[in-house]
Amino acid sequence: MQDILTALCDPTRRAALAIVWDGGEHCVCELMERLDASQSRMSRHMKVLREACIVVDRRDAQWVRFRRNPGLAPEIVAIITAILKAEKLLELEIA
């Protein structure tokens, strides 16, 4: 659990996870563009999420594609979903 909470403490990782959480696969290049992050920075953030077993990756030629880990326990999915939803609500309140 500590690895998951540590992975979720960074705003860039939460933003990347919010994109990946839709159930589809997303390449690093897409995440870089949407989050205005460099390739090395985005790759480091995704490595943390992968090491926490929140996302899984797959190599597609020169691209690495990430998706939500389908093997996550439902309780962990509920926690992550709640965190992402709460962050989105806070952003709407601030705006």
C-alpha atoms as a PDB file:
ATOM      1  CA  MET A   1       0.000   0.000   0.000  1.00  0.00           C
ATOM      2  CA  GLN A   2       2.855   2.388   0.774  1.00  0.00           C
ATOM      3  CA  ASP A   3       4.171   2.108  -2.818  1.00  0.00           C
ATOM      4  CA  ILE A   4       0.724   2.972  -4.174  1.00  0.00           C
ATOM      5  CA  LEU A   5       0.282   5.989  -1.906  1.00  0.00           C
ATOM      6  CA  THR A   6       3.808   7.187  -2.667  1.00  0.00           C
ATOM      7  CA  ALA A   7       3.147   6.852  -6.396  1.00  0.00           C
ATOM      8  CA  LEU A   8      -0.066   8.875  -6.062  1.00  0.00           C
ATOM      9  CA  CYS A   9       1.498  11.747  -4.118  1.00  0.00           C
ATOM     10  CA  ASP A  10       2.945  13.431  -7.221  1.00  0.00           C
ATOM     11  CA  PRO A  11       0.592  15.674  -9.255  1.00  0.00           C
ATOM     12  CA  THR A  12       2.149  14.710 -12.602  1.00  0.00           C
ATOM     13  CA  ARG A  13       1.698  11.022 -11.857  1.00  0.00           C
ATOM     14  CA  ARG A  14      -1.924  11.615 -10.821  1.00  0.00           C
ATOM     15  CA  ALA A  15      -2.516  13.528 -14.053  1.00  0.00           C
ATOM     16  CA  ALA A  16      -0.969  10.713 -16.105  1.00  0.00           C
ATOM     17  CA  LEU A  17      -2.979   8.166 -14.185  1.00  0.00           C
ATOM     18  CA  ALA A  18      -6.182  10.121 -14.819  1.00  0.00           C
ATOM     19  CA  ILE A  19      -5.493   9.762 -18.552  1.00  0.00           C
ATOM     20  CA  VAL A  20      -4.622   6.063 -18.340  1.00  0.00           C
ATOM     21  CA  TRP A  21      -7.514   5.288 -15.972  1.00  0.00           C
ATOM     22  CA  ASP A  22     -10.015   5.444 -18.868  1.00  0.00           C
ATOM     23  CA  GLY A  23      -9.209   1.816 -19.682  1.00  0.00           C
ATOM     24  CA  GLY A  24      -7.370   2.442 -22.935  1.00  0.00           C
ATOM     25  CA  GLU A  25      -3.707   2.254 -23.820  1.00  0.00           C
ATOM     26  CA  HIS A  26      -1.681   5.436 -24.010  1.00  0.00           C
ATOM     27  CA  CYS A  27       1.844   5.905 -25.292  1.00  0.00           C
ATOM     28  CA  VAL A  28       4.431   8.034 -23.541  1.00  0.00           C
ATOM     29  CA  CYS A  29       4.338  10.489 -26.452  1.00  0.00           C
ATOM     30  CA  GLU A  30       0.624  11.134 -25.847  1.00  0.00           C
ATOM     31  CA  LEU A  31       1.172  11.612 -22.122  1.00  0.00           C
ATOM     32  CA  MET A  32       4.091  13.964 -22.836  1.00  0.00           C
ATOM     33  CA  GLU A  33       1.960  16.089 -25.126  1.00  0.00           C
ATOM     34  CA  ARG A  34      -1.091  16.226 -22.876  1.00  0.00           C
ATOM     35  CA  LEU A  35       0.917  16.973 -19.730  1.00  0.00           C
ATOM     36  CA  ASP A  36       3.587  19.174 -21.333  1.00  0.00           C
ATOM     37  CA  ALA A  37       6.375  16.984 -19.964  1.00  0.00           C
ATOM     38  CA  SER A  38       9.674  15.825 -21.406  1.00  0.00           C
ATOM     39  CA  GLN A  39      10.152  12.224 -22.469  1.00  0.00           C
ATOM     40  CA  SER A  40      12.603  11.450 -19.675  1.00  0.00           C
ATOM     41  CA  ARG A  41      10.383  13.039 -17.025  1.00  0.00           C
ATOM     42  CA  MET A  42       7.284  11.205 -18.237  1.00  0.00           C
ATOM     43  CA  SER A  43       9.128   7.899 -18.449  1.00  0.00           C
ATOM     44  CA  ARG A  44      10.381   8.283 -14.866  1.00  0.00           C
ATOM     45  CA  HIS A  45       6.863   9.016 -13.611  1.00  0.00           C
ATOM     46  CA  MET A  46       5.411   6.055 -15.466  1.00  0.00           C
ATOM     47  CA  LYS A  47       8.145   3.821 -14.062  1.00  0.00           C
ATOM     48  CA  VAL A  48       7.026   4.724 -10.540  1.00  0.00           C
ATOM     49  CA  LEU A  49       3.404   3.898 -11.412  1.00  0.00           C
ATOM     50  CA  ARG A  50       4.508   0.626 -13.026  1.00  0.00           C
ATOM     51  CA  GLU A  51       6.677  -0.366 -10.054  1.00  0.00           C
ATOM     52  CA  ALA A  52       3.702   0.271  -7.763  1.00  0.00           C
ATOM     53  CA  CYS A  53       1.741  -2.137 -10.022  1.00  0.00           C
ATOM     54  CA  ILE A  54      -0.850   0.540 -10.794  1.00  0.00           C
ATOM     55  CA  VAL A  55      -0.186   0.421 -14.532  1.00  0.00           C
ATOM     56  CA  VAL A  56       1.244  -2.145 -16.899  1.00  0.00           C
ATOM     57  CA  ASP A  57       3.152  -1.472 -20.080  1.00  0.00           C
ATOM     58  CA  ARG A  58       3.607  -3.095 -23.430  1.00  0.00           C
ATOM     59  CA  ARG A  59       6.205  -2.419 -26.079  1.00  0.00           C
ATOM     60  CA  ASP A  60       4.831  -1.662 -29.545  1.00  0.00           C
ATOM     61  CA  ALA A  61       7.825  -1.275 -31.890  1.00  0.00           C
ATOM     62  CA  GLN A  62       9.593   1.850 -30.586  1.00  0.00           C
ATOM     63  CA  TRP A  63       6.615   2.932 -28.451  1.00  0.00           C
ATOM     64  CA  VAL A  64       5.773   1.946 -24.905  1.00  0.00           C
ATOM     65  CA  ARG A  65       2.069   1.889 -24.189  1.00  0.00           C
ATOM     66  CA  PHE A  66       0.619   2.050 -20.692  1.00  0.00           C
ATOM     67  CA  ARG A  67      -2.741   0.964 -19.355  1.00  0.00           C
ATOM     68  CA  ARG A  68      -4.420   0.457 -16.049  1.00  0.00           C
ATOM     69  CA  ASN A  69      -3.345  -2.793 -14.394  1.00  0.00           C
ATOM     70  CA  PRO A  70      -6.284  -5.183 -14.922  1.00  0.00           C
ATOM     71  CA  GLY A  71      -5.076  -7.284 -11.981  1.00  0.00           C
ATOM     72  CA  LEU A  72      -5.572  -4.585  -9.346  1.00  0.00           C
ATOM     73  CA  ALA A  73      -7.750  -5.551  -6.409  1.00  0.00           C
ATOM     74  CA  PRO A  74     -11.188  -3.903  -6.529  1.00  0.00           C
ATOM     75  CA  GLU A  75     -10.449  -2.127  -3.237  1.00  0.00           C
ATOM     76  CA  ILE A  76      -7.310  -0.531  -4.706  1.00  0.00           C
ATOM     77  CA  VAL A  77      -9.222   0.460  -7.842  1.00  0.00           C
ATOM     78  CA  ALA A  78     -11.854   2.101  -5.602  1.00  0.00           C
ATOM     79  CA  ILE A  79      -9.178   4.041  -3.680  1.00  0.00           C
ATOM     80  CA  ILE A  80      -7.459   5.292  -6.839  1.00  0.00           C
ATOM     81  CA  THR A  81     -10.770   6.169  -8.484  1.00  0.00           C
ATOM     82  CA  ALA A  82     -11.815   8.135  -5.387  1.00  0.00           C
ATOM     83  CA  ILE A  83      -8.508  10.039  -5.326  1.00  0.00           C
ATOM     84  CA  LEU A  84      -8.769  10.940  -9.021  1.00  0.00           C
ATOM     85  CA  LYS A  85     -12.412  11.983  -8.624  1.00  0.00           C
ATOM     86  CA  ALA A  86     -11.646  14.106  -5.551  1.00  0.00           C
ATOM     87  CA  GLU A  87      -8.806  15.854  -7.365  1.00  0.00           C
ATOM     88  CA  LYS A  88     -11.064  16.634 -10.317  1.00  0.00           C
ATOM     89  CA  LEU A  89     -13.722  18.069  -7.970  1.00  0.00           C
ATOM     90  CA  LEU A  90     -11.116  20.240  -6.233  1.00  0.00           C
ATOM     91  CA  GLU A  91      -9.916  21.550  -9.595  1.00  0.00           C
ATOM     92  CA  LEU A  92     -13.487  22.516 -10.503  1.00  0.00           C
ATOM     93  CA  GLU A  93     -13.946  24.336  -7.195  1.00  0.00           C
ATOM     94  CA  ILE A  94     -10.735  26.314  -7.700  1.00  0.00           C
ATOM     95  CA  ALA A  95     -11.635  27.269 -11.283  1.00  0.00           C
END
